[in-house]
Amino acid sequence: MASRRGMKKERRGGQRNGMVRKPLSRLGIRQVLQEVRSRPQRLAELVSLLDHVERPLRARAALALARLAEIQPESALRHLERIRVGLRDDSAYVRWTLACAIGLLGARHPGRVARCLPELCSLVDDENPIAQSMACAALARIGSANPDLVRKHYETAKKEIPPAVARSLSTARRTRPKTSRSR
């Protein structure tokens, strides 16, 4: 438990215009998203929670980033490198949640998440079946937006494309208009 002196420092450090700002680690997901959307400078604080020693805080930060990727992708893209590193977290929940975030970002911006493909492909072989499934889903989302990007990655890595991902790639190729280009 924090000492009174530590709490005073926390309150003083978090004050702005007479208002006390709670640390994001003490807020629920909905409040974290509201806080980050209304005060974009707090996004760095959210991303830093991915390095926290407590697994539940890393998990909540990962979930908040996945939701942010869905509603405000440009903000999440600014911290894509840190999200990519989180795919190697020791918590399976953090890994699969961040894989979901990358999939959401990749559906809209496949070229910008291309550097995450090696980690996502490694996650397909994770010991946790949910992490495997979420990695396949992320690759499928990215592949739906740009099938050639995922195909070329697997060719370069000399790996076989997982069946679930291969199905989405073949569907994307058939349904994608010839004139569209990925971003």
C-alpha atoms as a PDB file:
ATOM      1  CA  MET A   1       0.000   0.000   0.000  1.00  0.00           C
ATOM      2  CA  ALA A   2       1.284   3.494  -0.857  1.00  0.00           C
ATOM      3  CA  SER A   3       2.396   5.769   1.931  1.00  0.00           C
ATOM      4  CA  ARG A   4       0.632   9.035   2.609  1.00  0.00           C
ATOM      5  CA  ARG A   5       3.663  10.873   1.323  1.00  0.00           C
ATOM      6  CA  GLY A   6       3.536   8.888  -1.953  1.00  0.00           C
ATOM      7  CA  MET A   7      -0.178   9.642  -2.321  1.00  0.00           C
ATOM      8  CA  LYS A   8       0.449  13.373  -1.851  1.00  0.00           C
ATOM      9  CA  LYS A   9       3.132  13.299  -4.543  1.00  0.00           C
ATOM     10  CA  GLU A  10       0.787  11.409  -6.830  1.00  0.00           C
ATOM     11  CA  ARG A  11      -1.992  13.959  -6.287  1.00  0.00           C
ATOM     12  CA  ARG A  12       0.354  16.901  -6.740  1.00  0.00           C
ATOM     13  CA  GLY A  13       1.894  15.413  -9.865  1.00  0.00           C
ATOM     14  CA  GLY A  14      -1.508  14.630 -11.325  1.00  0.00           C
ATOM     15  CA  GLN A  15      -3.060  18.050 -10.699  1.00  0.00           C
ATOM     16  CA  ARG A  16      -3.809  20.302 -13.576  1.00  0.00           C
ATOM     17  CA  ASN A  17      -5.852  23.468 -13.202  1.00  0.00           C
ATOM     18  CA  GLY A  18      -6.940  22.397  -9.720  1.00  0.00           C
ATOM     19  CA  MET A  19      -8.227  18.989 -10.879  1.00  0.00           C
ATOM     20  CA  VAL A  20      -6.726  15.711  -9.765  1.00  0.00           C
ATOM     21  CA  ARG A  21      -5.927  13.278 -12.558  1.00  0.00           C
ATOM     22  CA  LYS A  22      -6.093   9.648 -11.581  1.00  0.00           C
ATOM     23  CA  PRO A  23      -3.429   7.349 -12.971  1.00  0.00           C
ATOM     24  CA  LEU A  24      -4.773   5.304 -15.878  1.00  0.00           C
ATOM     25  CA  SER A  25      -3.822   2.173 -13.940  1.00  0.00           C
ATOM     26  CA  ARG A  26      -6.644   2.941 -11.507  1.00  0.00           C
ATOM     27  CA  LEU A  27      -9.357   3.486 -14.120  1.00  0.00           C
ATOM     28  CA  GLY A  28     -11.624   1.032 -15.901  1.00  0.00           C
ATOM     29  CA  ILE A  29     -11.314   0.464 -19.656  1.00  0.00           C
ATOM     30  CA  ARG A  30     -14.151   2.835 -20.548  1.00  0.00           C
ATOM     31  CA  GLN A  31     -12.687   5.646 -18.425  1.00  0.00           C
ATOM     32  CA  VAL A  32      -9.206   5.023 -19.842  1.00  0.00           C
ATOM     33  CA  LEU A  33     -10.555   5.374 -23.379  1.00  0.00           C
ATOM     34  CA  GLN A  34     -12.433   8.557 -22.492  1.00  0.00           C
ATOM     35  CA  GLU A  35      -9.321   9.968 -20.843  1.00  0.00           C
ATOM     36  CA  VAL A  36      -7.020   9.111 -23.764  1.00  0.00           C
ATOM     37  CA  ARG A  37      -9.477  10.440 -26.326  1.00  0.00           C
ATOM     38  CA  SER A  38      -9.986  13.726 -24.468  1.00  0.00           C
ATOM     39  CA  ARG A  39      -6.303  14.082 -23.487  1.00  0.00           C
ATOM     40  CA  PRO A  40      -4.180  12.493 -26.240  1.00  0.00           C
ATOM     41  CA  GLN A  41      -0.981  13.165 -24.275  1.00  0.00           C
ATOM     42  CA  ARG A  42      -2.071  10.399 -21.874  1.00  0.00           C
ATOM     43  CA  LEU A  43      -1.740   7.772 -24.592  1.00  0.00           C
ATOM     44  CA  ALA A  44       1.955   7.419 -23.724  1.00  0.00           C
ATOM     45  CA  GLU A  45       0.941   6.604 -20.143  1.00  0.00           C
ATOM     46  CA  LEU A  46      -1.402   3.906 -21.422  1.00  0.00           C
ATOM     47  CA  VAL A  47       1.286   2.392 -23.639  1.00  0.00           C
ATOM     48  CA  SER A  48       3.774   2.440 -20.742  1.00  0.00           C
ATOM     49  CA  LEU A  49       1.395   0.173 -18.787  1.00  0.00           C
ATOM     50  CA  LEU A  50       2.356  -2.611 -21.212  1.00  0.00           C
ATOM     51  CA  ASP A  51       5.669  -2.684 -19.308  1.00  0.00           C
ATOM     52  CA  HIS A  52       4.079  -2.886 -15.865  1.00  0.00           C
ATOM     53  CA  VAL A  53       5.178  -5.775 -13.647  1.00  0.00           C
ATOM     54  CA  GLU A  54       1.590  -6.646 -12.743  1.00  0.00           C
ATOM     55  CA  ARG A  55       0.011  -8.873 -15.372  1.00  0.00           C
ATOM     56  CA  PRO A  56      -3.575  -7.589 -14.851  1.00  0.00           C
ATOM     57  CA  LEU A  57      -2.475  -4.016 -15.580  1.00  0.00           C
ATOM     58  CA  ARG A  58      -0.673  -5.100 -18.754  1.00  0.00           C
ATOM     59  CA  ALA A  59      -3.801  -7.002 -19.766  1.00  0.00           C
ATOM     60  CA  ARG A  60      -6.053  -3.976 -19.194  1.00  0.00           C
ATOM     61  CA  ALA A  61      -3.655  -1.762 -21.138  1.00  0.00           C
ATOM     62  CA  ALA A  62      -3.660  -4.264 -24.017  1.00  0.00           C
ATOM     63  CA  LEU A  63      -7.457  -4.361 -24.049  1.00  0.00           C
ATOM     64  CA  ALA A  64      -7.679  -0.566 -24.001  1.00  0.00           C
ATOM     65  CA  LEU A  65      -5.221  -0.375 -26.918  1.00  0.00           C
ATOM     66  CA  ALA A  66      -7.236  -2.952 -28.871  1.00  0.00           C
ATOM     67  CA  ARG A  67     -10.393  -0.910 -28.361  1.00  0.00           C
ATOM     68  CA  LEU A  68      -8.514   2.260 -29.283  1.00  0.00           C
ATOM     69  CA  ALA A  69      -7.314   0.558 -32.483  1.00  0.00           C
ATOM     70  CA  GLU A  70     -10.942   0.011 -33.364  1.00  0.00           C
ATOM     71  CA  ILE A  71     -12.278   3.496 -32.611  1.00  0.00           C
ATOM     72  CA  GLN A  72      -9.203   5.693 -33.153  1.00  0.00           C
ATOM     73  CA  PRO A  73      -6.677   3.752 -35.251  1.00  0.00           C
ATOM     74  CA  GLU A  74      -4.384   6.693 -35.986  1.00  0.00           C
ATOM     75  CA  SER A  75      -3.651   7.079 -32.271  1.00  0.00           C
ATOM     76  CA  ALA A  76      -2.844   3.397 -31.850  1.00  0.00           C
ATOM     77  CA  LEU A  77      -0.678   3.378 -34.991  1.00  0.00           C
ATOM     78  CA  ARG A  78       1.641   5.920 -33.369  1.00  0.00           C
ATOM     79  CA  HIS A  79       2.614   3.230 -30.854  1.00  0.00           C
ATOM     80  CA  LEU A  80       2.617   0.261 -33.205  1.00  0.00           C
ATOM     81  CA  GLU A  81       6.214  -0.671 -32.395  1.00  0.00           C
ATOM     82  CA  ARG A  82       5.415  -1.053 -28.689  1.00  0.00           C
ATOM     83  CA  ILE A  83       2.262  -3.023 -29.513  1.00  0.00           C
ATOM     84  CA  ARG A  84       4.379  -5.299 -31.732  1.00  0.00           C
ATOM     85  CA  VAL A  85       6.857  -5.912 -28.910  1.00  0.00           C
ATOM     86  CA  GLY A  86       3.923  -6.818 -26.653  1.00  0.00           C
ATOM     87  CA  LEU A  87       3.221  -9.844 -28.844  1.00  0.00           C
ATOM     88  CA  ARG A  88       6.102 -11.502 -26.944  1.00  0.00           C
ATOM     89  CA  ASP A  89       4.642 -10.808 -23.478  1.00  0.00           C
ATOM     90  CA  ASP A  90       4.631 -13.730 -21.033  1.00  0.00           C
ATOM     91  CA  SER A  91       0.860 -13.307 -20.595  1.00  0.00           C
ATOM     92  CA  ALA A  92      -1.150 -15.131 -23.247  1.00  0.00           C
ATOM     93  CA  TYR A  93      -4.030 -12.690 -22.708  1.00  0.00           C
ATOM     94  CA  VAL A  94      -1.775  -9.728 -23.512  1.00  0.00           C
ATOM     95  CA  ARG A  95      -0.424 -11.513 -26.607  1.00  0.00           C
ATOM     96  CA  TRP A  96      -3.812 -12.387 -28.049  1.00  0.00           C
ATOM     97  CA  THR A  97      -5.341  -8.996 -27.249  1.00  0.00           C
ATOM     98  CA  LEU A  98      -2.487  -7.150 -28.951  1.00  0.00           C
ATOM     99  CA  ALA A  99      -2.744  -9.533 -31.927  1.00  0.00           C
ATOM    100  CA  CYS A 100      -6.377  -8.490 -32.182  1.00  0.00           C
ATOM    101  CA  ALA A 101      -5.328  -4.816 -32.065  1.00  0.00           C
ATOM    102  CA  ILE A 102      -2.831  -5.348 -34.889  1.00  0.00           C
ATOM    103  CA  GLY A 103      -5.479  -7.155 -36.919  1.00  0.00           C
ATOM    104  CA  LEU A 104      -7.880  -4.250 -36.487  1.00  0.00           C
ATOM    105  CA  LEU A 105      -5.189  -1.779 -37.519  1.00  0.00           C
ATOM    106  CA  GLY A 106      -4.109  -3.971 -40.420  1.00  0.00           C
ATOM    107  CA  ALA A 107      -7.613  -4.174 -41.835  1.00  0.00           C
ATOM    108  CA  ARG A 108      -7.463  -0.415 -42.435  1.00  0.00           C
ATOM    109  CA  HIS A 109      -3.724   0.131 -42.848  1.00  0.00           C
ATOM    110  CA  PRO A 110      -2.133  -3.142 -44.022  1.00  0.00           C
ATOM    111  CA  GLY A 111       1.085  -1.545 -45.213  1.00  0.00           C
ATOM    112  CA  ARG A 112       1.724   0.103 -41.872  1.00  0.00           C
ATOM    113  CA  VAL A 113       1.440  -3.155 -39.913  1.00  0.00           C
ATOM    114  CA  ALA A 114       3.656  -5.122 -42.320  1.00  0.00           C
ATOM    115  CA  ARG A 115       6.557  -5.046 -39.856  1.00  0.00           C
ATOM    116  CA  CYS A 116       4.364  -6.933 -37.349  1.00  0.00           C
ATOM    117  CA  LEU A 117       3.925  -9.936 -39.626  1.00  0.00           C
ATOM    118  CA  PRO A 118       6.935 -11.913 -38.292  1.00  0.00           C
ATOM    119  CA  GLU A 119       5.622 -11.734 -34.712  1.00  0.00           C
ATOM    120  CA  LEU A 120       2.074 -12.564 -35.788  1.00  0.00           C
ATOM    121  CA  CYS A 121       3.342 -15.559 -37.741  1.00  0.00           C
ATOM    122  CA  SER A 122       5.302 -16.724 -34.689  1.00  0.00           C
ATOM    123  CA  LEU A 123       2.187 -16.325 -32.578  1.00  0.00           C
ATOM    124  CA  VAL A 124       0.371 -18.769 -34.877  1.00  0.00           C
ATOM    125  CA  ASP A 125       2.628 -21.422 -33.259  1.00  0.00           C
ATOM    126  CA  ASP A 126       2.059 -20.153 -29.689  1.00  0.00           C
ATOM    127  CA  GLU A 127       1.397 -22.696 -26.935  1.00  0.00           C
ATOM    128  CA  ASN A 128      -1.896 -20.961 -26.143  1.00  0.00           C
ATOM    129  CA  PRO A 129      -4.698 -21.944 -28.568  1.00  0.00           C
ATOM    130  CA  ILE A 130      -6.510 -18.614 -28.176  1.00  0.00           C
ATOM    131  CA  ALA A 131      -3.323 -16.717 -29.013  1.00  0.00           C
ATOM    132  CA  GLN A 132      -2.939 -18.949 -32.084  1.00  0.00           C
ATOM    133  CA  SER A 133      -6.514 -18.264 -33.128  1.00  0.00           C
ATOM    134  CA  MET A 134      -6.239 -14.503 -32.628  1.00  0.00           C
ATOM    135  CA  ALA A 135      -2.981 -14.407 -34.608  1.00  0.00           C
ATOM    136  CA  CYS A 136      -4.689 -16.255 -37.490  1.00  0.00           C
ATOM    137  CA  ALA A 137      -7.629 -13.859 -37.284  1.00  0.00           C
ATOM    138  CA  ALA A 138      -5.261 -10.864 -37.354  1.00  0.00           C
ATOM    139  CA  LEU A 139      -3.408 -12.264 -40.368  1.00  0.00           C
ATOM    140  CA  ALA A 140      -6.739 -12.919 -42.067  1.00  0.00           C
ATOM    141  CA  ARG A 141      -7.860  -9.315 -41.464  1.00  0.00           C
ATOM    142  CA  ILE A 142      -4.603  -7.949 -42.831  1.00  0.00           C
ATOM    143  CA  GLY A 143      -4.825 -10.392 -45.731  1.00  0.00           C
ATOM    144  CA  SER A 144      -8.374  -9.314 -46.502  1.00  0.00           C
ATOM    145  CA  ALA A 145      -7.102  -5.791 -47.016  1.00  0.00           C
ATOM    146  CA  ASN A 146      -3.904  -6.798 -48.820  1.00  0.00           C
ATOM    147  CA  PRO A 147      -3.633 -10.535 -49.614  1.00  0.00           C
ATOM    148  CA  ASP A 148      -0.312 -10.152 -51.435  1.00  0.00           C
ATOM    149  CA  LEU A 149       1.345  -8.651 -48.356  1.00  0.00           C
ATOM    150  CA  VAL A 150       0.616 -11.733 -46.239  1.00  0.00           C
ATOM    151  CA  ARG A 151       1.364 -14.151 -49.075  1.00  0.00           C
ATOM    152  CA  LYS A 152       4.736 -12.542 -49.791  1.00  0.00           C
ATOM    153  CA  HIS A 153       5.653 -12.621 -46.122  1.00  0.00           C
ATOM    154  CA  TYR A 154       4.985 -16.349 -45.912  1.00  0.00           C
ATOM    155  CA  GLU A 155       6.875 -16.960 -49.160  1.00  0.00           C
ATOM    156  CA  THR A 156       9.871 -15.000 -47.908  1.00  0.00           C
ATOM    157  CA  ALA A 157       9.795 -16.818 -44.560  1.00  0.00           C
ATOM    158  CA  LYS A 158       9.449 -20.134 -46.448  1.00  0.00           C
ATOM    159  CA  LYS A 159       6.535 -21.118 -44.241  1.00  0.00           C
ATOM    160  CA  GLU A 160       3.205 -22.625 -45.120  1.00  0.00           C
ATOM    161  CA  ILE A 161       0.208 -20.334 -44.772  1.00  0.00           C
ATOM    162  CA  PRO A 162      -2.176 -21.623 -42.068  1.00  0.00           C
ATOM    163  CA  PRO A 163      -5.419 -22.969 -43.602  1.00  0.00           C
ATOM    164  CA  ALA A 164      -7.659 -20.374 -41.907  1.00  0.00           C
ATOM    165  CA  VAL A 165      -5.502 -17.559 -43.246  1.00  0.00           C
ATOM    166  CA  ALA A 166      -5.247 -19.161 -46.707  1.00  0.00           C
ATOM    167  CA  ARG A 167      -9.049 -19.332 -46.943  1.00  0.00           C
ATOM    168  CA  SER A 168      -9.401 -15.642 -46.166  1.00  0.00           C
ATOM    169  CA  LEU A 169      -6.684 -14.774 -48.677  1.00  0.00           C
ATOM    170  CA  SER A 170      -8.407 -16.671 -51.462  1.00  0.00           C
ATOM    171  CA  THR A 171     -11.744 -15.052 -50.575  1.00  0.00           C
ATOM    172  CA  ALA A 172     -10.132 -11.594 -50.518  1.00  0.00           C
ATOM    173  CA  ARG A 173      -8.618 -12.108 -53.939  1.00  0.00           C
ATOM    174  CA  ARG A 174     -11.985 -13.081 -55.456  1.00  0.00           C
ATOM    175  CA  THR A 175     -14.007 -10.270 -53.859  1.00  0.00           C
ATOM    176  CA  ARG A 176     -11.501  -7.444 -54.078  1.00  0.00           C
ATOM    177  CA  PRO A 177     -12.031  -4.944 -56.921  1.00  0.00           C
ATOM    178  CA  LYS A 178      -9.112  -4.844 -59.362  1.00  0.00           C
ATOM    179  CA  THR A 179      -8.743  -1.072 -59.113  1.00  0.00           C
ATOM    180  CA  SER A 180      -8.396  -0.861 -55.344  1.00  0.00           C
ATOM    181  CA  ARG A 181      -4.995  -0.467 -53.757  1.00  0.00           C
ATOM    182  CA  SER A 182      -3.943  -0.872 -50.154  1.00  0.00           C
ATOM    183  CA  ARG A 183      -2.755   2.090 -48.144  1.00  0.00           C
END
